[in-house]
């Protein structure tokens, strides 16, 4: 810090005049508009990749292609709007993690941020001429050491920077529920721990590895506090949600503005981690054990996500559709299926999706050997009916 303000954030040959990274927020909350606006002001703007293909018409038929195409389009759109530093956030838990990383590298994005799991093999996607910086997101000094050691020993590529997220972050928290309120796991304790663990790798690489603090940073005083503690910069996300430039719908932003501290609850996120959300009717129904109809393909390994179909996107319209995502997590906003064990949810969803698709292709094909009116069969019929209605609509439009 200087009398005139904070020092710039240096990540390799990239220099952000403001040491602020706008955290990635999916589904569709931080896309090209918000990321480019932050980059234009001297910070680092980040496009979230979770659910990025939801507005693509062929999402259900070409899941991988739709998501990679959407990411490519958002990066290019952001490049048209800004010459500043742009990044993408790609969660390890995404089932199409590898394809999204390759697409980001092909588009020569400046930085890839990766968390919601340890990105132990992220450098293997790099090619010799890639200039993209790789930055893991961790929740402890131990995790930072494990990632840095793996990258250094296996790929001879120490992290370009490290983001440490404390328990006051939203999204997917790398903590057990009982650790969230424990002062021993506060960001003020985690930051010095990560700095110590990263120091040997800095010496080995003979270059700085800046550590960025994130989670619960909301004001200028917060930024100053963590820069004084040794952070090279900060990551902020919630603060940007209610801006005009944020890609989310106005009704989504209003949910943040109307929320009180009592409305913030801890839920189990779609990847099985604790996360923060704004209490609403959907969460109350899930808590009461009510089953919700499936309305979209899953984008994470486990459990499944519910959202609106691409033709009724809650973040591209000012009017939320029936079943639209109204739960607001400070870092990521998603609606999610009633709580099930992750492995059972993943296996069940894939079985439901695969069986439905096969029966549509071959109506004579027998379904799984289940009771005629079992919950699985009923949800499968609902999913099939919804897919059929979409295809009829597409035929009518064609």
Protein backbone atom coordinates (compact mmCIF):
# COMPACT_ATOMS: atom_id res chain seq x y z
CA UNK A 1 0.00 0.00 0.00
CA UNK A 2 1.10 3.55 -0.72
CA UNK A 3 -0.31 6.93 0.23
CA UNK A 4 -1.91 7.06 -3.21
CA UNK A 5 -3.54 3.63 -3.06
CA UNK A 6 -2.82 -0.08 -3.39
CA UNK A 7 0.03 -1.52 -5.42
CA UNK A 8 -0.84 -3.12 -8.78
CA UNK A 9 -1.33 -6.88 -8.91
CA UNK A 10 1.33 -8.67 -10.96
CA UNK A 11 0.67 -12.22 -12.19
CA UNK A 12 3.60 -13.13 -14.40
CA UNK A 13 3.70 -10.58 -17.23
CA UNK A 14 0.13 -9.43 -16.51
CA UNK A 15 -0.39 -6.28 -14.45
CA UNK A 16 -3.76 -5.21 -13.04
CA UNK A 17 -3.64 -1.59 -11.93
CA UNK A 18 -6.29 -2.42 -9.32
CA UNK A 19 -5.50 -5.55 -7.25
CA UNK A 20 -9.09 -6.76 -7.49
CA UNK A 21 -10.28 -9.98 -9.12
CA UNK A 22 -14.00 -10.25 -9.81
CA UNK A 23 -14.91 -13.76 -8.71
CA UNK A 24 -16.62 -16.10 -11.15
CA UNK A 25 -20.36 -16.50 -10.55
CA UNK A 26 -22.41 -19.15 -12.38
CA UNK A 27 -24.92 -19.94 -13.65
CA UNK A 28 -24.87 -16.95 -16.03
CA UNK A 29 -24.22 -14.28 -13.38
CA UNK A 30 -20.73 -13.23 -14.50
CA UNK A 31 -20.37 -13.40 -18.26
CA UNK A 32 -18.78 -11.13 -20.84
CA UNK A 33 -20.57 -7.92 -19.84
CA UNK A 34 -19.52 -7.92 -16.20
CA UNK A 35 -16.05 -9.34 -16.85
CA UNK A 36 -15.26 -6.73 -19.51
CA UNK A 37 -16.55 -3.89 -17.33
CA UNK A 38 -14.26 -4.92 -14.46
CA UNK A 39 -11.32 -5.33 -16.82
CA UNK A 40 -11.92 -1.86 -18.25
CA UNK A 41 -11.59 -0.37 -14.77
CA UNK A 42 -8.19 -1.98 -14.21
CA UNK A 43 -9.26 -5.12 -12.32
CA UNK A 44 -9.40 -8.70 -13.56
CA UNK A 45 -12.79 -9.69 -14.98
CA UNK A 46 -13.81 -13.34 -14.79
CA UNK A 47 -16.34 -15.30 -16.86
CA UNK A 48 -17.93 -18.23 -15.00
CA UNK A 49 -18.20 -21.41 -17.08
CA UNK A 50 -20.67 -23.37 -14.92
CA UNK A 51 -23.88 -23.69 -16.94
CA UNK A 52 -22.58 -21.33 -19.60
CA UNK A 53 -24.27 -23.28 -22.40
CA UNK A 54 -27.78 -23.02 -20.93
CA UNK A 55 -28.95 -20.53 -23.58
CA UNK A 56 -27.69 -22.63 -26.49
CA UNK A 57 -30.56 -24.19 -28.46
CA UNK A 58 -28.80 -27.55 -28.88
CA UNK A 59 -27.68 -27.97 -25.26
CA UNK A 60 -29.61 -31.22 -24.76
CA UNK A 61 -28.49 -32.78 -28.01
CA UNK A 62 -24.86 -31.58 -28.05
CA UNK A 63 -23.97 -30.88 -24.42
CA UNK A 64 -20.20 -30.58 -24.87
CA UNK A 65 -20.38 -28.63 -28.12
CA UNK A 66 -23.02 -26.21 -26.78
CA UNK A 67 -20.99 -25.35 -23.68
CA UNK A 68 -17.67 -24.97 -25.48
CA UNK A 69 -19.34 -22.82 -28.16
CA UNK A 70 -20.95 -20.62 -25.51
CA UNK A 71 -17.64 -20.18 -23.69
CA UNK A 72 -15.87 -19.31 -26.93
CA UNK A 73 -18.54 -16.73 -27.76
CA UNK A 74 -18.42 -15.13 -24.31
CA UNK A 75 -14.64 -14.82 -24.39
CA UNK A 76 -14.71 -13.26 -27.84
CA UNK A 77 -17.51 -10.90 -26.84
CA UNK A 78 -15.53 -9.81 -23.78
CA UNK A 79 -12.47 -9.23 -25.96
CA UNK A 80 -14.53 -6.96 -28.18
CA UNK A 81 -15.60 -4.93 -25.14
CA UNK A 82 -12.26 -4.74 -23.32
CA UNK A 83 -8.52 -4.79 -23.78
CA UNK A 84 -8.01 -5.45 -20.07
CA UNK A 85 -7.19 -8.67 -18.25
CA UNK A 86 -9.82 -11.39 -18.58
CA UNK A 87 -10.10 -14.77 -16.89
CA UNK A 88 -12.42 -17.73 -16.69
CA UNK A 89 -13.45 -19.76 -13.67
CA UNK A 90 -13.66 -23.50 -14.40
CA UNK A 91 -14.76 -25.75 -11.54
CA UNK A 92 -12.97 -29.06 -11.19
CA UNK A 93 -16.34 -30.66 -10.43
CA UNK A 94 -17.74 -29.91 -13.89
CA UNK A 95 -18.20 -33.00 -16.02
CA UNK A 96 -16.83 -31.10 -19.04
CA UNK A 97 -13.87 -29.60 -17.17
CA UNK A 98 -11.26 -30.70 -19.72
CA UNK A 99 -13.17 -29.44 -22.75
CA UNK A 100 -13.70 -26.03 -21.13
CA UNK A 101 -10.00 -25.73 -20.23
CA UNK A 102 -8.96 -26.58 -23.79
CA UNK A 103 -11.41 -24.04 -25.18
CA UNK A 104 -10.14 -21.30 -22.86
CA UNK A 105 -6.56 -22.07 -23.90
CA UNK A 106 -7.51 -22.05 -27.58
CA UNK A 107 -9.03 -18.59 -27.09
CA UNK A 108 -5.86 -17.43 -25.32
CA UNK A 109 -7.68 -16.28 -22.21
CA UNK A 110 -5.36 -14.46 -19.83
CA UNK A 111 -6.03 -16.53 -16.69
CA UNK A 112 -7.79 -19.75 -15.73
CA UNK A 113 -9.02 -19.88 -12.14
CA UNK A 114 -10.00 -23.35 -10.93
CA UNK A 115 -11.53 -24.55 -7.67
CA UNK A 116 -14.48 -26.60 -6.31
CA UNK A 117 -11.99 -29.43 -5.94
CA UNK A 118 -8.22 -29.52 -6.29
CA UNK A 119 -7.09 -28.89 -9.89
CA UNK A 120 -4.18 -31.29 -9.53
CA UNK A 121 -3.65 -31.86 -13.25
CA UNK A 122 -4.62 -28.50 -14.73
CA UNK A 123 -1.12 -27.85 -16.22
CA UNK A 124 -1.30 -30.99 -18.37
CA UNK A 125 -3.59 -29.11 -20.74
CA UNK A 126 -0.98 -26.42 -21.39
CA UNK A 127 0.95 -26.41 -24.62
CA UNK A 128 4.41 -25.00 -25.01
CA UNK A 129 3.34 -21.68 -26.52
CA UNK A 130 0.39 -20.99 -24.19
CA UNK A 131 0.62 -17.70 -22.30
CA UNK A 132 -2.49 -18.36 -20.18
CA UNK A 133 -1.80 -18.16 -16.45
CA UNK A 134 -3.07 -20.99 -14.22
CA UNK A 135 -4.39 -20.12 -10.76
CA UNK A 136 -5.79 -22.70 -8.32
CA UNK A 137 -8.40 -21.75 -5.72
CA UNK A 138 -7.76 -23.37 -2.33
CA UNK A 139 -9.14 -23.22 1.19
CA UNK A 140 -6.06 -24.08 3.27
CA UNK A 141 -2.30 -23.96 3.33
CA UNK A 142 -2.21 -27.74 3.02
CA UNK A 143 -4.27 -27.64 -0.18
CA UNK A 144 -2.00 -24.92 -1.58
CA UNK A 145 1.06 -27.05 -0.83
CA UNK A 146 -0.45 -30.18 -2.39
CA UNK A 147 -1.37 -28.38 -5.61
CA UNK A 148 1.93 -26.49 -5.89
CA UNK A 149 3.95 -29.64 -5.23
CA UNK A 150 2.00 -31.67 -7.79
CA UNK A 151 2.31 -28.99 -10.47
CA UNK A 152 6.02 -28.50 -9.78
CA UNK A 153 7.06 -32.14 -9.58
CA UNK A 154 4.88 -33.56 -12.35
CA UNK A 155 4.66 -30.65 -14.79
CA UNK A 156 7.57 -28.38 -13.78
CA UNK A 157 5.02 -25.58 -13.60
CA UNK A 158 4.39 -23.90 -10.22
CA UNK A 159 1.13 -21.92 -9.97
CA UNK A 160 1.19 -18.43 -11.43
CA UNK A 161 -0.80 -17.27 -8.41
CA UNK A 162 -3.01 -18.79 -5.71
CA UNK A 163 -6.45 -17.69 -4.52
CA UNK A 164 -7.30 -18.63 -0.95
CA UNK A 165 -11.02 -18.52 -0.12
CA UNK A 166 -12.13 -18.33 3.48
CA UNK A 167 -15.38 -19.64 4.99
CA UNK A 168 -17.21 -16.32 4.45
CA UNK A 169 -17.22 -16.93 0.70
CA UNK A 170 -20.31 -18.22 -1.03
CA UNK A 171 -20.42 -20.86 -3.73
CA UNK A 172 -18.63 -24.07 -2.97
CA UNK A 173 -16.82 -23.81 0.35
CA UNK A 174 -13.91 -26.13 1.01
CA UNK A 175 -14.86 -26.51 4.67
CA UNK A 176 -16.89 -28.83 6.82
CA UNK A 177 -20.08 -27.22 8.16
CA UNK A 178 -18.66 -27.04 11.68
CA UNK A 179 -15.55 -25.20 10.41
CA UNK A 180 -17.43 -22.32 8.81
CA UNK A 181 -17.79 -20.37 12.04
CA UNK A 182 -14.51 -21.54 13.59
CA UNK A 183 -12.01 -18.65 14.04
CA UNK A 184 -9.17 -21.09 13.38
CA UNK A 185 -10.42 -21.34 9.78
CA UNK A 186 -11.04 -17.62 9.28
CA UNK A 187 -9.42 -15.99 6.26
CA UNK A 188 -7.19 -13.94 8.55
CA UNK A 189 -5.70 -17.24 9.76
CA UNK A 190 -5.63 -18.98 6.37
CA UNK A 191 -3.82 -16.21 4.48
CA UNK A 192 -0.56 -16.33 6.51
CA UNK A 193 -0.70 -20.13 6.34
CA UNK A 194 -0.91 -20.13 2.53
CA UNK A 195 1.84 -17.51 2.28
CA UNK A 196 4.16 -19.77 4.31
CA UNK A 197 3.37 -22.85 2.24
CA UNK A 198 3.88 -21.08 -1.08
CA UNK A 199 7.18 -19.40 -0.14
CA UNK A 200 9.39 -22.47 -0.92
CA UNK A 201 7.83 -22.82 -4.36
CA UNK A 202 8.50 -19.14 -5.05
CA UNK A 203 12.15 -19.72 -4.20
CA UNK A 204 12.30 -22.80 -6.43
CA UNK A 205 10.62 -21.03 -9.34
CA UNK A 206 12.67 -17.86 -8.80
CA UNK A 207 9.59 -15.75 -9.40
CA UNK A 208 6.78 -14.37 -7.25
CA UNK A 209 3.64 -16.44 -6.73
CA UNK A 210 1.10 -13.86 -5.54
CA UNK A 211 -1.52 -14.98 -3.05
CA UNK A 212 -4.99 -13.46 -3.46
CA UNK A 213 -7.46 -13.42 -0.56
CA UNK A 214 -11.16 -14.05 -1.12
CA UNK A 215 -14.33 -14.65 0.85
CA UNK A 216 -16.23 -12.00 2.79
CA UNK A 217 -14.27 -9.07 1.32
CA UNK A 218 -16.81 -6.34 0.64
CA UNK A 219 -15.49 -2.85 1.42
CA UNK A 220 -12.40 -0.74 0.91
CA UNK A 221 -11.53 -1.34 4.55
CA UNK A 222 -11.68 -5.10 3.93
CA UNK A 223 -9.34 -4.76 0.97
CA UNK A 224 -6.88 -2.66 2.97
CA UNK A 225 -6.94 -5.14 5.84
CA UNK A 226 -5.94 -8.14 3.72
CA UNK A 227 -3.37 -6.26 1.69
CA UNK A 228 -1.76 -5.30 5.00
CA UNK A 229 -1.75 -8.98 5.99
CA UNK A 230 0.33 -9.84 2.93
CA UNK A 231 -2.18 -10.55 0.16
CA UNK A 232 -1.12 -9.34 -3.28
CA UNK A 233 -4.76 -8.74 -4.19
CA UNK A 234 -8.33 -9.66 -3.32
CA UNK A 235 -11.14 -11.60 -4.98
CA UNK A 236 -14.64 -10.14 -4.68
CA UNK A 237 -17.86 -11.41 -6.21
CA UNK A 238 -21.06 -10.61 -4.29
CA UNK A 239 -20.26 -6.91 -4.44
CA UNK A 240 -20.63 -6.98 -8.22
CA UNK A 241 -24.00 -8.76 -8.42
CA UNK A 242 -26.23 -5.70 -8.08
CA UNK A 243 -24.28 -3.58 -10.55
CA UNK A 244 -25.86 -2.52 -13.86
CA UNK A 245 -23.12 -4.39 -15.70
CA UNK A 246 -23.80 -7.74 -14.04
CA UNK A 247 -25.23 -10.27 -16.51
CA UNK A 248 -27.96 -11.49 -14.14
CA UNK A 249 -31.60 -10.45 -14.48
CA UNK A 250 -32.92 -7.49 -12.51
CA UNK A 251 -35.17 -9.77 -10.43
CA UNK A 252 -32.11 -11.80 -9.42
CA UNK A 253 -30.31 -8.65 -8.30
CA UNK A 254 -33.41 -7.51 -6.38
CA UNK A 255 -33.23 -10.71 -4.32
CA UNK A 256 -29.82 -9.59 -3.06
CA UNK A 257 -30.97 -6.06 -2.33
CA UNK A 258 -34.04 -7.22 -0.38
CA UNK A 259 -32.17 -9.88 1.59
CA UNK A 260 -31.46 -9.46 5.28
CA UNK A 261 -28.73 -11.21 7.29
CA UNK A 262 -31.37 -13.64 8.55
CA UNK A 263 -32.12 -14.71 4.96
CA UNK A 264 -28.63 -16.11 4.37
CA UNK A 265 -28.47 -19.86 4.92
CA UNK A 266 -25.90 -22.62 4.46
CA UNK A 267 -26.92 -25.28 1.97
CA UNK A 268 -25.27 -28.27 0.35
CA UNK A 269 -24.10 -27.02 -3.03
CA UNK A 270 -24.51 -28.98 -6.29
CA UNK A 271 -20.99 -30.40 -5.96
CA UNK A 272 -21.60 -31.62 -2.42
CA UNK A 273 -19.86 -28.76 -0.59
CA UNK A 274 -21.41 -26.25 1.82
CA UNK A 275 -22.48 -23.02 0.21
CA UNK A 276 -24.44 -19.86 0.98
CA UNK A 277 -27.85 -19.04 -0.45
CA UNK A 278 -30.70 -16.62 0.10
CA UNK A 279 -33.65 -18.33 1.74
CA UNK A 280 -36.65 -18.67 -0.57
CA UNK A 281 -39.61 -20.94 -1.25
CA UNK A 282 -37.56 -23.37 -3.32
CA UNK A 283 -35.12 -24.01 -0.48
CA UNK A 284 -37.99 -24.36 1.96
CA UNK A 285 -39.59 -26.99 -0.30
CA UNK A 286 -36.31 -28.87 -0.60
CA UNK A 287 -35.88 -28.73 3.17
CA UNK A 288 -39.37 -30.15 3.56
CA UNK A 289 -38.43 -33.09 1.34
CA UNK A 290 -40.62 -32.15 -1.60
CA UNK A 291 -39.47 -33.56 -4.94
CA UNK A 292 -38.92 -31.14 -7.80
CA UNK A 293 -39.38 -31.97 -11.51
CA UNK A 294 -36.26 -32.15 -13.63
CA UNK A 295 -35.98 -29.40 -16.21
CA UNK A 296 -32.40 -29.49 -17.45
CA UNK A 297 -29.33 -31.60 -18.05
CA UNK A 298 -26.76 -31.77 -15.26
CA UNK A 299 -23.57 -29.73 -15.59
CA UNK A 300 -21.70 -31.04 -12.58
CA UNK A 301 -20.52 -34.48 -11.68
CA UNK A 302 -22.88 -34.65 -8.68
CA UNK A 303 -25.58 -33.94 -7.59
CA UNK A 304 -27.79 -32.68 -10.44
CA UNK A 305 -28.83 -29.06 -11.00
CA UNK A 306 -32.31 -27.81 -11.78
CA UNK A 307 -32.70 -24.67 -13.83
CA UNK A 308 -34.93 -23.29 -16.55
CA UNK A 309 -34.66 -24.51 -20.14
CA UNK A 310 -32.52 -22.40 -22.52
CA UNK A 311 -35.61 -20.84 -24.08
CA UNK A 312 -36.55 -19.26 -20.74
CA UNK A 313 -33.24 -18.15 -19.28
CA UNK A 314 -33.57 -16.36 -15.93
CA UNK A 315 -30.43 -14.30 -16.52
CA UNK A 316 -31.25 -13.12 -20.05
CA UNK A 317 -34.72 -11.88 -19.22
CA UNK A 318 -36.01 -9.29 -16.80
CA UNK A 319 -38.99 -11.47 -15.95
CA UNK A 320 -38.21 -14.74 -14.16
CA UNK A 321 -39.88 -17.78 -15.65
CA UNK A 322 -41.72 -20.48 -13.76
CA UNK A 323 -39.08 -22.61 -12.10
CA UNK A 324 -36.38 -20.02 -12.72
CA UNK A 325 -33.33 -19.89 -10.53
CA UNK A 326 -34.18 -17.58 -7.66
CA UNK A 327 -31.87 -18.95 -5.01
CA UNK A 328 -28.92 -16.58 -4.73
CA UNK A 329 -25.56 -17.88 -3.54
CA UNK A 330 -23.01 -15.08 -2.97
CA UNK A 331 -20.60 -16.60 -5.48
CA UNK A 332 -22.78 -18.90 -7.54
CA UNK A 333 -26.53 -18.99 -8.00
CA UNK A 334 -28.08 -22.32 -8.81
CA UNK A 335 -31.18 -24.20 -7.91
CA UNK A 336 -30.50 -27.75 -6.90
CA UNK A 337 -32.31 -31.00 -6.53
CA UNK A 338 -33.49 -32.29 -3.16
CA UNK A 339 -30.61 -33.61 -1.12
CA UNK A 340 -29.42 -37.09 -2.04
CA UNK A 341 -26.11 -38.79 -1.57
CA UNK A 342 -23.82 -37.65 -4.38
CA UNK A 343 -23.07 -41.08 -5.83
CA UNK A 344 -26.71 -42.14 -5.89
CA UNK A 345 -27.78 -38.84 -7.41
CA UNK A 346 -25.18 -39.05 -10.19
CA UNK A 347 -25.96 -42.67 -11.04
CA UNK A 348 -29.71 -42.09 -10.91
CA UNK A 349 -29.64 -38.97 -13.10
CA UNK A 350 -27.45 -40.56 -15.76
CA UNK A 351 -29.65 -43.65 -15.81
CA UNK A 352 -32.78 -41.54 -16.12
CA UNK A 353 -31.32 -39.38 -18.90
CA UNK A 354 -29.82 -42.31 -20.86
CA UNK A 355 -32.91 -44.48 -20.59
CA UNK A 356 -35.19 -41.64 -21.67
CA UNK A 357 -33.02 -40.78 -24.67
CA UNK A 358 -32.84 -44.42 -25.77
CA UNK A 359 -36.59 -44.94 -25.47
CA UNK A 360 -37.18 -41.82 -27.56
CA UNK A 361 -34.89 -43.23 -30.28
CA UNK A 362 -36.49 -46.69 -30.01
CA UNK A 363 -40.04 -46.61 -28.56
CA UNK A 364 -40.07 -50.42 -28.40
CA UNK A 365 -37.03 -50.49 -26.17
CA UNK A 366 -37.94 -51.66 -22.63
CA UNK A 367 -37.24 -49.32 -19.77
CA UNK A 368 -35.36 -50.17 -16.58
CA UNK A 369 -36.90 -52.94 -14.46
CA UNK A 370 -38.68 -50.71 -11.97
CA UNK A 371 -42.21 -50.45 -10.66
CA UNK A 372 -44.57 -48.90 -13.20
CA UNK A 373 -45.36 -45.97 -10.93
CA UNK A 374 -42.03 -45.61 -9.12
CA UNK A 375 -40.64 -42.11 -8.43
CA UNK A 376 -37.84 -42.76 -10.91
CA UNK A 377 -40.25 -43.81 -13.65
CA UNK A 378 -42.50 -40.79 -13.03
CA UNK A 379 -39.55 -38.38 -13.21
CA UNK A 380 -38.32 -40.14 -16.34
CA UNK A 381 -41.73 -39.65 -17.98
CA UNK A 382 -41.75 -35.98 -17.04
CA UNK A 383 -38.27 -35.54 -18.49
CA UNK A 384 -39.24 -37.36 -21.68
CA UNK A 385 -42.40 -35.28 -22.08
CA UNK A 386 -40.44 -32.07 -21.65
CA UNK A 387 -37.83 -33.13 -24.22
CA UNK A 388 -40.56 -34.09 -26.67
CA UNK A 389 -42.29 -30.74 -26.25
CA UNK A 390 -39.01 -28.95 -26.96
CA UNK A 391 -38.50 -30.98 -30.14
CA UNK A 392 -42.06 -30.25 -31.29
CA UNK A 393 -41.47 -26.57 -30.65
CA UNK A 394 -38.24 -26.66 -32.64
CA UNK A 395 -39.99 -28.42 -35.53
CA UNK A 396 -42.74 -25.81 -35.48
CA UNK A 397 -40.18 -22.95 -35.48
CA UNK A 398 -38.28 -24.63 -38.33
